[in-house]
Amino acid sequence: MDTKNGSARTVALSTTALDVLQSLPRRLDGRVFGWQAKDSFEKTWQRCIVRAKAAYAEECAKSGKKPDPAFLADLRFHDLRHEATSRLFEKGLGVMEVASMTGHKSLSMLKRYTHIEAEKLAKKLG
């Protein structure tokens, strides 16, 4: 498998993630996803965004609220990496644990991906 920094790594997964992966059909080539074309992933991501926006619009209609046109407007798949990094810290994982999962080799890059919410930090302070 190719990684951005060229270094292979083993990543811990939650039991939920393991359950989801184990429920998928097994592929002969060992891959989880079988994208062939370069743009296959991007097309899949865009379909996910379209479905999420439709579900959001439906929920807004049910509750009588006007949908926000900015909902998921600029969301890129890579944004989820920033979100996950922040949530791992909020779960109490340490710097080295998070870095081993995200693949960041420097503290400065790890910090760039981390966005801790002030409210959650204030709660920890008491």
N, C-alpha and C. Protein backbone atom coordinates (compact mmCIF):
# COMPACT_ATOMS: atom_id res chain seq x y z
N MET A 1 0.84 -1.18 0.00
CA MET A 1 0.00 0.00 0.00
C MET A 1 0.88 1.23 0.00
N ASP A 2 0.47 2.24 -0.74
CA ASP A 2 1.20 3.50 -0.78
C ASP A 2 0.68 4.43 0.30
N THR A 3 1.61 5.04 1.01
CA THR A 3 1.24 6.06 1.99
C THR A 3 1.85 7.37 1.55
N LYS A 4 1.34 8.47 2.07
CA LYS A 4 1.81 9.79 1.66
C LYS A 4 3.31 9.95 1.92
N ASN A 5 3.76 9.46 3.08
CA ASN A 5 5.17 9.64 3.41
C ASN A 5 6.02 8.43 3.04
N GLY A 6 5.41 7.43 2.41
CA GLY A 6 6.16 6.26 1.94
C GLY A 6 6.45 5.22 3.00
N SER A 7 6.03 5.45 4.23
CA SER A 7 6.29 4.51 5.32
C SER A 7 5.03 3.72 5.64
N ALA A 8 5.15 2.40 5.60
CA ALA A 8 4.02 1.55 5.97
C ALA A 8 3.82 1.63 7.48
N ARG A 9 2.59 1.46 7.93
CA ARG A 9 2.34 1.46 9.37
C ARG A 9 1.12 0.60 9.67
N THR A 10 1.09 0.10 10.88
CA THR A 10 -0.05 -0.65 11.38
C THR A 10 -0.83 0.30 12.27
N VAL A 11 -2.13 0.36 12.07
CA VAL A 11 -2.97 1.30 12.80
C VAL A 11 -4.00 0.55 13.63
N ALA A 12 -4.14 0.96 14.87
CA ALA A 12 -5.17 0.38 15.74
C ALA A 12 -6.54 0.83 15.26
N LEU A 13 -7.51 -0.07 15.33
CA LEU A 13 -8.88 0.26 14.93
C LEU A 13 -9.83 0.01 16.09
N SER A 14 -10.88 0.79 16.14
CA SER A 14 -11.90 0.58 17.16
C SER A 14 -12.66 -0.71 16.84
N THR A 15 -13.38 -1.22 17.82
CA THR A 15 -14.16 -2.44 17.57
C THR A 15 -15.25 -2.17 16.53
N THR A 16 -15.78 -0.96 16.51
CA THR A 16 -16.79 -0.61 15.50
C THR A 16 -16.19 -0.65 14.10
N ALA A 17 -15.00 -0.06 13.94
CA ALA A 17 -14.34 -0.08 12.64
C ALA A 17 -14.03 -1.51 12.20
N LEU A 18 -13.56 -2.32 13.14
CA LEU A 18 -13.28 -3.73 12.82
C LEU A 18 -14.54 -4.45 12.37
N ASP A 19 -15.64 -4.23 13.08
CA ASP A 19 -16.91 -4.87 12.71
C ASP A 19 -17.33 -4.48 11.30
N VAL A 20 -17.20 -3.20 10.97
CA VAL A 20 -17.58 -2.74 9.64
C VAL A 20 -16.70 -3.39 8.58
N LEU A 21 -15.39 -3.38 8.80
CA LEU A 21 -14.47 -3.97 7.82
C LEU A 21 -14.71 -5.47 7.66
N GLN A 22 -14.96 -6.15 8.76
CA GLN A 22 -15.18 -7.59 8.69
C GLN A 22 -16.51 -7.94 8.03
N SER A 23 -17.44 -7.00 8.01
CA SER A 23 -18.73 -7.27 7.37
C SER A 23 -18.67 -7.11 5.85
N LEU A 24 -17.61 -6.49 5.36
CA LEU A 24 -17.48 -6.30 3.91
C LEU A 24 -17.08 -7.60 3.23
N PRO A 25 -17.48 -7.77 1.96
CA PRO A 25 -17.07 -8.97 1.24
C PRO A 25 -15.55 -8.99 1.07
N ARG A 26 -14.98 -10.17 1.17
CA ARG A 26 -13.53 -10.31 1.02
C ARG A 26 -13.15 -10.25 -0.46
N ARG A 27 -12.06 -9.55 -0.74
CA ARG A 27 -11.55 -9.46 -2.11
C ARG A 27 -10.36 -10.39 -2.27
N LEU A 28 -10.20 -10.95 -3.43
CA LEU A 28 -9.09 -11.87 -3.69
C LEU A 28 -7.74 -11.18 -3.61
N ASP A 29 -7.70 -9.89 -3.98
CA ASP A 29 -6.42 -9.17 -3.97
C ASP A 29 -6.06 -8.64 -2.58
N GLY A 30 -6.93 -8.85 -1.58
CA GLY A 30 -6.63 -8.42 -0.22
C GLY A 30 -6.99 -6.98 0.08
N ARG A 31 -7.38 -6.23 -0.91
CA ARG A 31 -7.73 -4.82 -0.69
C ARG A 31 -9.14 -4.71 -0.12
N VAL A 32 -9.37 -3.63 0.59
CA VAL A 32 -10.71 -3.38 1.12
C VAL A 32 -11.56 -2.72 0.04
N PHE A 33 -10.96 -1.79 -0.68
CA PHE A 33 -11.66 -1.07 -1.74
C PHE A 33 -11.01 -1.42 -3.08
N GLY A 34 -11.80 -1.54 -4.11
CA GLY A 34 -11.27 -1.97 -5.39
C GLY A 34 -11.28 -0.91 -6.47
N TRP A 35 -10.93 0.32 -6.12
CA TRP A 35 -10.96 1.38 -7.12
C TRP A 35 -9.92 1.13 -8.20
N GLN A 36 -10.33 1.34 -9.43
CA GLN A 36 -9.44 1.13 -10.56
C GLN A 36 -8.95 2.45 -11.15
N ALA A 37 -9.87 3.33 -11.48
CA ALA A 37 -9.52 4.60 -12.10
C ALA A 37 -9.03 5.60 -11.06
N LYS A 38 -8.20 6.54 -11.51
CA LYS A 38 -7.65 7.54 -10.59
C LYS A 38 -8.73 8.37 -9.90
N ASP A 39 -9.81 8.65 -10.61
CA ASP A 39 -10.84 9.51 -10.03
C ASP A 39 -11.96 8.74 -9.35
N SER A 40 -11.82 7.42 -9.22
CA SER A 40 -12.87 6.60 -8.60
C SER A 40 -13.18 7.04 -7.18
N PHE A 41 -12.14 7.29 -6.40
CA PHE A 41 -12.36 7.68 -5.01
C PHE A 41 -13.09 9.01 -4.93
N GLU A 42 -12.64 9.98 -5.73
CA GLU A 42 -13.27 11.30 -5.70
C GLU A 42 -14.74 11.22 -6.11
N LYS A 43 -15.05 10.41 -7.11
CA LYS A 43 -16.44 10.24 -7.53
C LYS A 43 -17.27 9.61 -6.40
N THR A 44 -16.70 8.63 -5.72
CA THR A 44 -17.39 7.99 -4.60
C THR A 44 -17.65 9.01 -3.49
N TRP A 45 -16.64 9.81 -3.18
CA TRP A 45 -16.78 10.84 -2.15
C TRP A 45 -17.90 11.83 -2.52
N GLN A 46 -17.93 12.26 -3.76
CA GLN A 46 -18.95 13.20 -4.20
C GLN A 46 -20.35 12.60 -4.09
N ARG A 47 -20.48 11.31 -4.39
CA ARG A 47 -21.79 10.65 -4.23
C ARG A 47 -22.20 10.63 -2.76
N CYS A 48 -21.24 10.42 -1.87
CA CYS A 48 -21.53 10.45 -0.42
C CYS A 48 -22.03 11.83 0.00
N ILE A 49 -21.39 12.87 -0.50
CA ILE A 49 -21.80 14.24 -0.18
C ILE A 49 -23.22 14.50 -0.67
N VAL A 50 -23.52 14.07 -1.89
CA VAL A 50 -24.86 14.27 -2.45
C VAL A 50 -25.90 13.57 -1.58
N ARG A 51 -25.61 12.33 -1.17
CA ARG A 51 -26.57 11.58 -0.33
C ARG A 51 -26.73 12.24 1.04
N ALA A 52 -25.63 12.72 1.61
CA ALA A 52 -25.71 13.37 2.93
C ALA A 52 -26.51 14.67 2.84
N LYS A 53 -26.31 15.43 1.78
CA LYS A 53 -27.07 16.67 1.61
C LYS A 53 -28.56 16.38 1.43
N ALA A 54 -28.88 15.32 0.70
CA ALA A 54 -30.29 14.95 0.50
C ALA A 54 -30.92 14.55 1.83
N ALA A 55 -30.20 13.77 2.63
CA ALA A 55 -30.72 13.35 3.94
C ALA A 55 -30.91 14.57 4.85
N TYR A 56 -29.96 15.49 4.80
CA TYR A 56 -30.04 16.72 5.59
C TYR A 56 -31.26 17.54 5.18
N ALA A 57 -31.46 17.71 3.87
CA ALA A 57 -32.61 18.47 3.37
C ALA A 57 -33.92 17.82 3.80
N GLU A 58 -33.95 16.50 3.78
CA GLU A 58 -35.15 15.76 4.19
C GLU A 58 -35.43 15.98 5.68
N GLU A 59 -34.40 15.92 6.50
CA GLU A 59 -34.57 16.16 7.94
C GLU A 59 -35.02 17.59 8.21
N CYS A 60 -34.46 18.55 7.46
CA CYS A 60 -34.88 19.94 7.62
C CYS A 60 -36.35 20.09 7.26
N ALA A 61 -36.76 19.46 6.17
CA ALA A 61 -38.16 19.54 5.74
C ALA A 61 -39.09 18.96 6.79
N LYS A 62 -38.70 17.83 7.38
CA LYS A 62 -39.52 17.19 8.42
C LYS A 62 -39.68 18.09 9.64
N SER A 63 -38.61 18.81 9.98
CA SER A 63 -38.66 19.64 11.18
C SER A 63 -39.08 21.08 10.88
N GLY A 64 -39.37 21.37 9.61
CA GLY A 64 -39.84 22.70 9.24
C GLY A 64 -38.75 23.76 9.23
N LYS A 65 -37.50 23.34 9.14
CA LYS A 65 -36.38 24.28 9.12
C LYS A 65 -35.90 24.46 7.68
N LYS A 66 -35.34 25.63 7.42
CA LYS A 66 -34.78 25.91 6.11
C LYS A 66 -33.35 25.36 6.07
N PRO A 67 -33.01 24.55 5.06
CA PRO A 67 -31.65 24.01 4.98
C PRO A 67 -30.61 25.12 4.78
N ASP A 68 -29.48 24.96 5.40
CA ASP A 68 -28.36 25.89 5.24
C ASP A 68 -27.64 25.53 3.94
N PRO A 69 -27.58 26.44 2.97
CA PRO A 69 -26.93 26.13 1.70
C PRO A 69 -25.43 25.83 1.85
N ALA A 70 -24.84 26.25 2.96
CA ALA A 70 -23.41 26.01 3.19
C ALA A 70 -23.13 24.61 3.75
N PHE A 71 -24.19 23.85 4.07
CA PHE A 71 -24.02 22.52 4.65
C PHE A 71 -23.16 21.65 3.74
N LEU A 72 -22.03 21.21 4.24
CA LEU A 72 -21.06 20.35 3.53
C LEU A 72 -20.54 20.95 2.23
N ALA A 73 -20.70 22.27 2.05
CA ALA A 73 -20.34 22.91 0.78
C ALA A 73 -18.88 22.70 0.40
N ASP A 74 -17.99 22.84 1.33
CA ASP A 74 -16.56 22.75 1.00
C ASP A 74 -15.88 21.58 1.69
N LEU A 75 -16.64 20.58 2.09
CA LEU A 75 -16.05 19.45 2.80
C LEU A 75 -15.28 18.55 1.84
N ARG A 76 -14.00 18.35 2.16
CA ARG A 76 -13.16 17.44 1.39
C ARG A 76 -12.89 16.21 2.25
N PHE A 77 -12.61 15.10 1.62
CA PHE A 77 -12.35 13.88 2.37
C PHE A 77 -11.20 14.10 3.35
N HIS A 78 -10.19 14.83 2.91
CA HIS A 78 -9.01 15.07 3.75
C HIS A 78 -9.37 15.82 5.03
N ASP A 79 -10.45 16.59 5.02
CA ASP A 79 -10.89 17.30 6.22
C ASP A 79 -11.20 16.33 7.36
N LEU A 80 -11.60 15.12 7.00
CA LEU A 80 -11.91 14.12 8.02
C LEU A 80 -10.67 13.72 8.81
N ARG A 81 -9.50 13.85 8.19
CA ARG A 81 -8.25 13.54 8.90
C ARG A 81 -8.03 14.55 10.02
N HIS A 82 -8.30 15.82 9.73
CA HIS A 82 -8.19 16.85 10.77
C HIS A 82 -9.16 16.55 11.91
N GLU A 83 -10.39 16.21 11.54
CA GLU A 83 -11.42 15.92 12.53
C GLU A 83 -11.02 14.72 13.39
N ALA A 84 -10.57 13.66 12.75
CA ALA A 84 -10.20 12.45 13.49
C ALA A 84 -9.03 12.71 14.43
N THR A 85 -8.05 13.47 13.98
CA THR A 85 -6.89 13.79 14.82
C THR A 85 -7.35 14.50 16.09
N SER A 86 -8.21 15.48 15.93
CA SER A 86 -8.71 16.23 17.08
C SER A 86 -9.51 15.34 18.02
N ARG A 87 -10.37 14.49 17.47
CA ARG A 87 -11.19 13.61 18.31
C ARG A 87 -10.34 12.59 19.05
N LEU A 88 -9.25 12.11 18.46
CA LEU A 88 -8.37 11.16 19.15
C LEU A 88 -7.77 11.82 20.39
N PHE A 89 -7.36 13.08 20.27
CA PHE A 89 -6.84 13.78 21.45
C PHE A 89 -7.94 13.97 22.49
N GLU A 90 -9.14 14.29 22.04
CA GLU A 90 -10.25 14.48 22.98
C GLU A 90 -10.60 13.19 23.71
N LYS A 91 -10.32 12.05 23.09
CA LYS A 91 -10.56 10.75 23.74
C LYS A 91 -9.48 10.45 24.79
N GLY A 92 -8.44 11.28 24.82
CA GLY A 92 -7.41 11.11 25.83
C GLY A 92 -6.15 10.42 25.35
N LEU A 93 -6.04 10.16 24.05
CA LEU A 93 -4.82 9.55 23.54
C LEU A 93 -3.67 10.55 23.62
N GLY A 94 -2.48 10.05 23.83
CA GLY A 94 -1.30 10.90 23.93
C GLY A 94 -0.74 11.26 22.56
N VAL A 95 0.22 12.17 22.57
CA VAL A 95 0.83 12.66 21.33
C VAL A 95 1.41 11.52 20.50
N MET A 96 2.16 10.64 21.13
CA MET A 96 2.80 9.54 20.39
C MET A 96 1.76 8.56 19.86
N GLU A 97 0.70 8.33 20.61
CA GLU A 97 -0.36 7.42 20.16
C GLU A 97 -1.07 7.98 18.93
N VAL A 98 -1.41 9.26 18.99
CA VAL A 98 -2.10 9.88 17.86
C VAL A 98 -1.17 9.92 16.64
N ALA A 99 0.08 10.30 16.86
CA ALA A 99 1.03 10.36 15.74
C ALA A 99 1.21 9.00 15.08
N SER A 100 1.19 7.94 15.88
CA SER A 100 1.36 6.60 15.30
C SER A 100 0.16 6.23 14.43
N MET A 101 -1.01 6.75 14.75
CA MET A 101 -2.20 6.46 13.96
C MET A 101 -2.30 7.35 12.72
N THR A 102 -1.93 8.61 12.86
CA THR A 102 -2.07 9.54 11.74
C THR A 102 -0.87 9.50 10.80
N GLY A 103 0.26 9.01 11.29
CA GLY A 103 1.45 8.95 10.45
C GLY A 103 2.26 10.23 10.45
N HIS A 104 1.91 11.19 11.30
CA HIS A 104 2.68 12.43 11.36
C HIS A 104 4.02 12.16 12.02
N LYS A 105 5.07 12.65 11.39
CA LYS A 105 6.41 12.41 11.91
C LYS A 105 6.95 13.59 12.72
N SER A 106 6.28 14.74 12.62
CA SER A 106 6.75 15.89 13.39
C SER A 106 5.59 16.46 14.21
N LEU A 107 5.95 17.02 15.35
CA LEU A 107 4.95 17.63 16.22
C LEU A 107 4.28 18.82 15.52
N SER A 108 5.04 19.55 14.71
CA SER A 108 4.46 20.72 14.04
C SER A 108 3.35 20.31 13.08
N MET A 109 3.52 19.22 12.36
CA MET A 109 2.46 18.76 11.45
C MET A 109 1.27 18.23 12.24
N LEU A 110 1.54 17.51 13.31
CA LEU A 110 0.46 16.99 14.14
C LEU A 110 -0.37 18.15 14.70
N LYS A 111 0.32 19.21 15.13
CA LYS A 111 -0.38 20.38 15.66
C LYS A 111 -1.24 21.04 14.58
N ARG A 112 -0.78 21.04 13.35
CA ARG A 112 -1.54 21.65 12.26
C ARG A 112 -2.87 20.91 12.03
N TYR A 113 -2.88 19.61 12.32
CA TYR A 113 -4.08 18.80 12.11
C TYR A 113 -5.00 18.76 13.33
N THR A 114 -4.55 19.33 14.44
CA THR A 114 -5.31 19.24 15.68
C THR A 114 -6.08 20.53 15.94
N HIS A 115 -7.39 20.38 16.17
CA HIS A 115 -8.25 21.53 16.43
C HIS A 115 -9.14 21.17 17.62
N ILE A 116 -8.63 21.43 18.81
CA ILE A 116 -9.37 21.11 20.03
C ILE A 116 -10.39 22.22 20.28
N GLU A 117 -11.63 21.83 20.56
CA GLU A 117 -12.68 22.81 20.83
C GLU A 117 -12.48 23.41 22.22
N ALA A 118 -12.56 24.73 22.30
CA ALA A 118 -12.33 25.45 23.55
C ALA A 118 -13.30 24.99 24.64
N GLU A 119 -14.55 24.73 24.27
CA GLU A 119 -15.55 24.29 25.26
C GLU A 119 -15.14 22.97 25.92
N LYS A 120 -14.64 22.05 25.11
CA LYS A 120 -14.25 20.75 25.64
C LYS A 120 -13.01 20.87 26.51
N LEU A 121 -12.12 21.77 26.14
CA LEU A 121 -10.92 22.01 26.94
C LEU A 121 -11.31 22.65 28.27
N ALA A 122 -12.25 23.58 28.25
CA ALA A 122 -12.71 24.25 29.47
C ALA A 122 -13.36 23.25 30.41
N LYS A 123 -14.13 22.29 29.87
CA LYS A 123 -14.76 21.26 30.71
C LYS A 123 -13.71 20.44 31.45
N LYS A 124 -12.62 20.13 30.76
CA LYS A 124 -11.56 19.35 31.41
C LYS A 124 -10.92 20.13 32.55
N LEU A 125 -10.85 21.45 32.38
CA LEU A 125 -10.25 22.28 33.42
C LEU A 125 -11.14 22.39 34.65
N GLY A 126 -12.44 22.21 34.44
CA GLY A 126 -13.38 22.24 35.56
C GLY A 126 -13.94 23.59 35.85
